[in-house]
């Protein structure tokens, strides 16, 4: 059987996907490679990152270490890409963490760390990419937000970080629009990932019952939308937040 990538033409350019060792990030990187990009799997987990790159495509994907919350690490990532690969055309900011707890029990360190990774990390990555894409006169940035930016109990830190990502997306879209660069956000809802698979069954069922569709989404649902926003087919959608959540963001649970 032929590998499904065998018939693809030469690389459409380099795409960096953060937090791509597994879950949604892995599916995004896989889809981008299938669409002709060379994917940089940027992740802190070296073992999982190298395994992910090899399983996606041994010649069309590679792993590079990166802690998005570290300015030095982000700069080193972009320097390594510039030295070894073609210019970055696509950046997908997917890396993120959660430290859930109601606010009266939340430690300051848990708030700071979530903001540091989810918001500051996205900003640091966007800044480096913006410098490259502005000069090139072309680029696609997709930030992975969350339906939680609308508010979730027990997630004052996470919701704030993702609301910040939405604001960052809108502001950066305005700054880069004149340079042929689009910037959009995708806000996933309840997605079937290793994280949600670890939830207690009663918690999973409660979350499903709150869904208008009564079902979870798949990582591929996110990946396909990201791939479109990252493609040359999209030239007039920018500064937008697209919810992929089975209707949960509408605010009603259905019948």
Protein backbone atom coordinates (compact mmCIF):
# COMPACT_ATOMS: atom_id res chain seq x y z
CA UNK A 1 0.00 0.00 0.00
CA UNK A 2 1.30 3.44 -0.89
CA UNK A 3 1.83 6.00 1.83
CA UNK A 4 -0.91 8.60 1.52
CA UNK A 5 1.77 11.29 1.17
CA UNK A 6 3.48 9.67 -1.81
CA UNK A 7 1.56 11.58 -4.45
CA UNK A 8 2.10 14.98 -2.91
CA UNK A 9 4.17 17.51 -4.77
CA UNK A 10 7.24 19.12 -3.30
CA UNK A 11 6.86 20.98 -0.03
CA UNK A 12 4.59 24.03 0.02
CA UNK A 13 6.88 25.55 2.62
CA UNK A 14 7.66 25.12 6.28
CA UNK A 15 4.96 24.98 8.93
CA UNK A 16 5.70 25.12 12.64
CA UNK A 17 3.18 23.47 14.96
CA UNK A 18 3.76 23.84 18.69
CA UNK A 19 2.65 21.15 21.11
CA UNK A 20 2.44 18.74 18.18
CA UNK A 21 3.77 15.58 19.79
CA UNK A 22 0.25 14.27 20.36
CA UNK A 23 -3.44 15.09 20.40
CA UNK A 24 -4.78 18.00 18.37
CA UNK A 25 -1.31 19.30 17.52
CA UNK A 26 -0.28 15.94 16.08
CA UNK A 27 -3.38 15.82 13.87
CA UNK A 28 -2.73 19.36 12.66
CA UNK A 29 0.88 18.57 11.75
CA UNK A 30 -0.23 15.38 10.01
CA UNK A 31 -2.83 17.24 7.95
CA UNK A 32 -0.38 19.98 6.96
CA UNK A 33 2.14 17.41 5.75
CA UNK A 34 -0.59 15.69 3.78
CA UNK A 35 -1.33 19.09 2.21
CA UNK A 36 2.27 19.48 1.10
CA UNK A 37 4.00 21.32 3.93
CA UNK A 38 7.17 20.36 5.74
CA UNK A 39 6.14 20.25 9.41
CA UNK A 40 8.27 21.22 12.38
CA UNK A 41 7.02 19.36 15.46
CA UNK A 42 7.90 21.87 18.19
CA UNK A 43 7.42 20.34 21.62
CA UNK A 44 9.08 19.93 25.01
CA UNK A 45 8.62 16.14 24.96
CA UNK A 46 11.57 14.90 22.91
CA UNK A 47 10.63 11.23 22.91
CA UNK A 48 7.02 11.83 21.87
CA UNK A 49 8.05 14.56 19.44
CA UNK A 50 10.56 12.40 17.60
CA UNK A 51 8.07 9.53 17.47
CA UNK A 52 5.38 11.85 16.11
CA UNK A 53 7.63 13.21 13.36
CA UNK A 54 8.68 9.71 12.30
CA UNK A 55 5.12 8.43 12.21
CA UNK A 56 3.82 11.40 10.22
CA UNK A 57 6.56 11.21 7.59
CA UNK A 58 10.29 10.51 8.07
CA UNK A 59 11.27 13.01 5.37
CA UNK A 60 8.52 15.62 5.55
CA UNK A 61 8.41 16.23 9.30
CA UNK A 62 10.99 16.72 11.99
CA UNK A 63 11.11 17.35 15.71
CA UNK A 64 12.72 20.41 17.26
CA UNK A 65 12.65 21.13 21.00
CA UNK A 66 10.91 24.26 22.19
CA UNK A 67 9.57 25.66 25.44
CA UNK A 68 7.22 28.36 24.15
CA UNK A 69 7.23 30.14 27.50
CA UNK A 70 10.98 30.78 27.16
CA UNK A 71 12.06 33.68 24.94
CA UNK A 72 15.48 32.11 24.42
CA UNK A 73 13.98 28.75 23.45
CA UNK A 74 11.62 30.36 20.95
CA UNK A 75 14.45 32.34 19.36
CA UNK A 76 16.59 29.19 19.15
CA UNK A 77 13.74 27.35 17.44
CA UNK A 78 13.35 29.97 14.73
CA UNK A 79 17.12 30.21 14.29
CA UNK A 80 17.34 26.44 13.79
CA UNK A 81 14.50 26.49 11.27
CA UNK A 82 16.08 29.39 9.35
CA UNK A 83 19.41 27.55 9.21
CA UNK A 84 18.13 24.15 8.10
CA UNK A 85 14.81 24.60 6.34
CA UNK A 86 12.84 26.82 3.99
CA UNK A 87 11.26 30.03 5.33
CA UNK A 88 8.32 29.64 7.68
CA UNK A 89 5.03 30.15 5.85
CA UNK A 90 2.70 28.78 8.51
CA UNK A 91 2.67 28.99 12.30
CA UNK A 92 0.14 27.08 14.38
CA UNK A 93 0.24 27.92 18.08
CA UNK A 94 -1.24 24.85 19.71
CA UNK A 95 0.89 24.37 22.84
CA UNK A 96 -1.05 24.90 26.03
CA UNK A 97 -1.55 23.64 29.58
CA UNK A 98 -4.31 23.60 32.18
CA UNK A 99 -4.15 24.00 35.96
CA UNK A 100 -7.83 23.88 36.88
CA UNK A 101 -9.17 24.90 40.28
CA UNK A 102 -11.79 27.30 41.63
CA UNK A 103 -10.23 30.69 42.24
CA UNK A 104 -10.35 30.56 46.05
CA UNK A 105 -8.24 27.41 45.93
CA UNK A 106 -5.96 28.36 43.03
CA UNK A 107 -2.31 29.11 43.72
CA UNK A 108 -0.79 32.19 42.13
CA UNK A 109 1.83 29.95 40.54
CA UNK A 110 -0.91 28.04 38.71
CA UNK A 111 -2.32 31.25 37.29
CA UNK A 112 1.11 32.52 36.28
CA UNK A 113 2.19 29.28 34.60
CA UNK A 114 -0.95 28.96 32.48
CA UNK A 115 -0.67 32.58 31.32
CA UNK A 116 3.05 32.10 30.70
CA UNK A 117 2.58 29.11 28.41
CA UNK A 118 -0.78 29.75 26.77
CA UNK A 119 -0.65 33.51 26.23
CA UNK A 120 2.95 34.65 26.56
CA UNK A 121 4.14 31.61 24.63
CA UNK A 122 1.73 32.33 21.79
CA UNK A 123 2.82 35.98 21.75
CA UNK A 124 6.52 35.05 21.63
CA UNK A 125 5.96 32.66 18.74
CA UNK A 126 3.82 35.20 16.88
CA UNK A 127 6.45 37.90 17.26
CA UNK A 128 9.18 35.81 15.64
CA UNK A 129 6.88 34.61 12.86
CA UNK A 130 5.55 38.10 12.21
CA UNK A 131 9.06 39.43 11.57
CA UNK A 132 9.66 36.73 8.96
CA UNK A 133 6.25 36.86 7.30
CA UNK A 134 6.16 40.65 7.15
CA UNK A 135 9.40 40.69 5.17
CA UNK A 136 8.25 37.85 2.93
CA UNK A 137 4.91 39.51 2.23
CA UNK A 138 3.08 36.29 2.99
CA UNK A 139 2.17 34.10 5.94
CA UNK A 140 -0.52 32.25 7.83
CA UNK A 141 -0.82 32.24 11.61
CA UNK A 142 -3.43 30.11 13.35
CA UNK A 143 -3.75 30.31 17.12
CA UNK A 144 -5.54 27.53 18.96
CA UNK A 145 -7.78 29.20 21.51
CA UNK A 146 -10.64 27.35 23.24
CA UNK A 147 -14.36 27.64 23.73
CA UNK A 148 -13.33 28.33 27.34
CA UNK A 149 -12.41 31.89 26.34
CA UNK A 150 -16.12 32.57 26.79
CA UNK A 151 -15.79 31.46 30.42
CA UNK A 152 -15.58 28.15 32.27
CA UNK A 153 -15.94 27.56 36.03
CA UNK A 154 -12.70 26.37 37.60
CA UNK A 155 -10.67 27.87 34.77
CA UNK A 156 -10.16 31.53 35.59
CA UNK A 157 -6.53 31.14 34.57
CA UNK A 158 -7.17 29.08 31.43
CA UNK A 159 -10.17 31.12 30.29
CA UNK A 160 -8.20 34.34 30.79
CA UNK A 161 -5.26 32.95 28.80
CA UNK A 162 -7.45 31.90 25.89
CA UNK A 163 -9.38 35.17 25.92
CA UNK A 164 -5.97 36.81 25.68
CA UNK A 165 -5.14 34.65 22.67
CA UNK A 166 -8.33 35.88 20.99
CA UNK A 167 -7.40 39.51 21.65
CA UNK A 168 -3.86 38.88 20.43
CA UNK A 169 -5.22 37.29 17.26
CA UNK A 170 -7.47 40.23 16.45
CA UNK A 171 -4.80 42.86 17.11
CA UNK A 172 -2.11 41.00 15.17
CA UNK A 173 -4.47 40.46 12.24
CA UNK A 174 -4.80 44.24 11.95
CA UNK A 175 -1.05 44.77 12.17
CA UNK A 176 -0.21 42.20 9.49
CA UNK A 177 -3.13 42.50 7.07
CA UNK A 178 -1.26 44.96 4.85
CA UNK A 179 1.61 42.49 4.47
CA UNK A 180 -0.33 39.54 3.08
CA UNK A 181 -0.44 37.71 6.40
CA UNK A 182 -3.65 36.31 7.87
CA UNK A 183 -4.08 35.62 11.59
CA UNK A 184 -7.00 33.59 12.89
CA UNK A 185 -7.99 31.62 15.96
CA UNK A 186 -9.69 28.25 16.20
CA UNK A 187 -11.60 27.57 19.42
CA UNK A 188 -12.09 23.84 20.03
CA UNK A 189 -14.76 22.57 22.36
CA UNK A 190 -14.98 19.04 23.72
CA UNK A 191 -12.53 16.99 21.64
CA UNK A 192 -11.66 13.30 22.04
CA UNK A 193 -7.99 13.52 23.02
CA UNK A 194 -5.73 11.65 25.46
CA UNK A 195 -6.61 14.34 28.01
CA UNK A 196 -10.37 13.87 27.81
CA UNK A 197 -9.94 10.09 27.67
CA UNK A 198 -8.42 10.24 31.15
CA UNK A 199 -11.48 11.93 32.64
CA UNK A 200 -13.65 9.91 35.02
CA UNK A 201 -16.62 8.42 33.20
CA UNK A 202 -19.15 10.45 35.18
CA UNK A 203 -17.33 13.66 34.25
CA UNK A 204 -17.19 12.67 30.58
CA UNK A 205 -20.91 11.89 30.60
CA UNK A 206 -21.74 15.22 32.22
CA UNK A 207 -19.74 17.06 29.56
CA UNK A 208 -21.41 15.07 26.78
CA UNK A 209 -24.86 15.82 28.16
CA UNK A 210 -24.08 19.53 27.95
CA UNK A 211 -23.28 19.20 24.24
CA UNK A 212 -26.03 20.04 21.74
CA UNK A 213 -24.66 17.19 19.58
CA UNK A 214 -24.29 14.84 22.57
CA UNK A 215 -20.92 13.89 21.15
CA UNK A 216 -17.25 14.84 21.18
CA UNK A 217 -15.34 16.19 18.24
CA UNK A 218 -12.25 14.52 16.81
CA UNK A 219 -8.77 16.07 16.50
CA UNK A 220 -9.20 15.82 12.73
CA UNK A 221 -12.13 18.25 12.95
CA UNK A 222 -9.70 20.87 14.20
CA UNK A 223 -6.93 19.87 11.82
CA UNK A 224 -9.03 20.24 8.69
CA UNK A 225 -10.13 23.76 9.60
CA UNK A 226 -6.60 24.80 10.56
CA UNK A 227 -5.30 23.41 7.27
CA UNK A 228 -7.75 25.55 5.30
CA UNK A 229 -6.89 28.71 7.26
CA UNK A 230 -3.20 27.93 6.72
CA UNK A 231 -3.57 27.45 2.98
CA UNK A 232 -3.31 29.83 0.05
CA UNK A 233 -7.03 29.24 -0.51
CA UNK A 234 -7.66 31.51 2.44
CA UNK A 235 -6.72 35.09 1.65
CA UNK A 236 -9.69 37.07 2.99
CA UNK A 237 -10.45 35.53 6.38
CA UNK A 238 -8.41 37.17 9.11
CA UNK A 239 -8.86 38.24 12.71
CA UNK A 240 -11.63 35.68 13.23
CA UNK A 241 -12.41 33.15 15.96
CA UNK A 242 -13.95 29.97 14.58
CA UNK A 243 -15.58 27.67 17.12
CA UNK A 244 -15.38 23.92 16.56
CA UNK A 245 -17.46 22.75 19.50
CA UNK A 246 -20.62 21.01 18.36
CA UNK A 247 -22.64 24.15 19.00
CA UNK A 248 -21.67 24.52 22.67
CA UNK A 249 -20.65 28.15 22.20
CA UNK A 250 -24.19 29.01 21.17
CA UNK A 251 -25.15 28.70 24.82
CA UNK A 252 -27.97 26.17 24.57
CA UNK A 253 -27.82 22.43 25.12
CA UNK A 254 -30.59 21.47 22.70
CA UNK A 255 -33.30 18.87 23.42
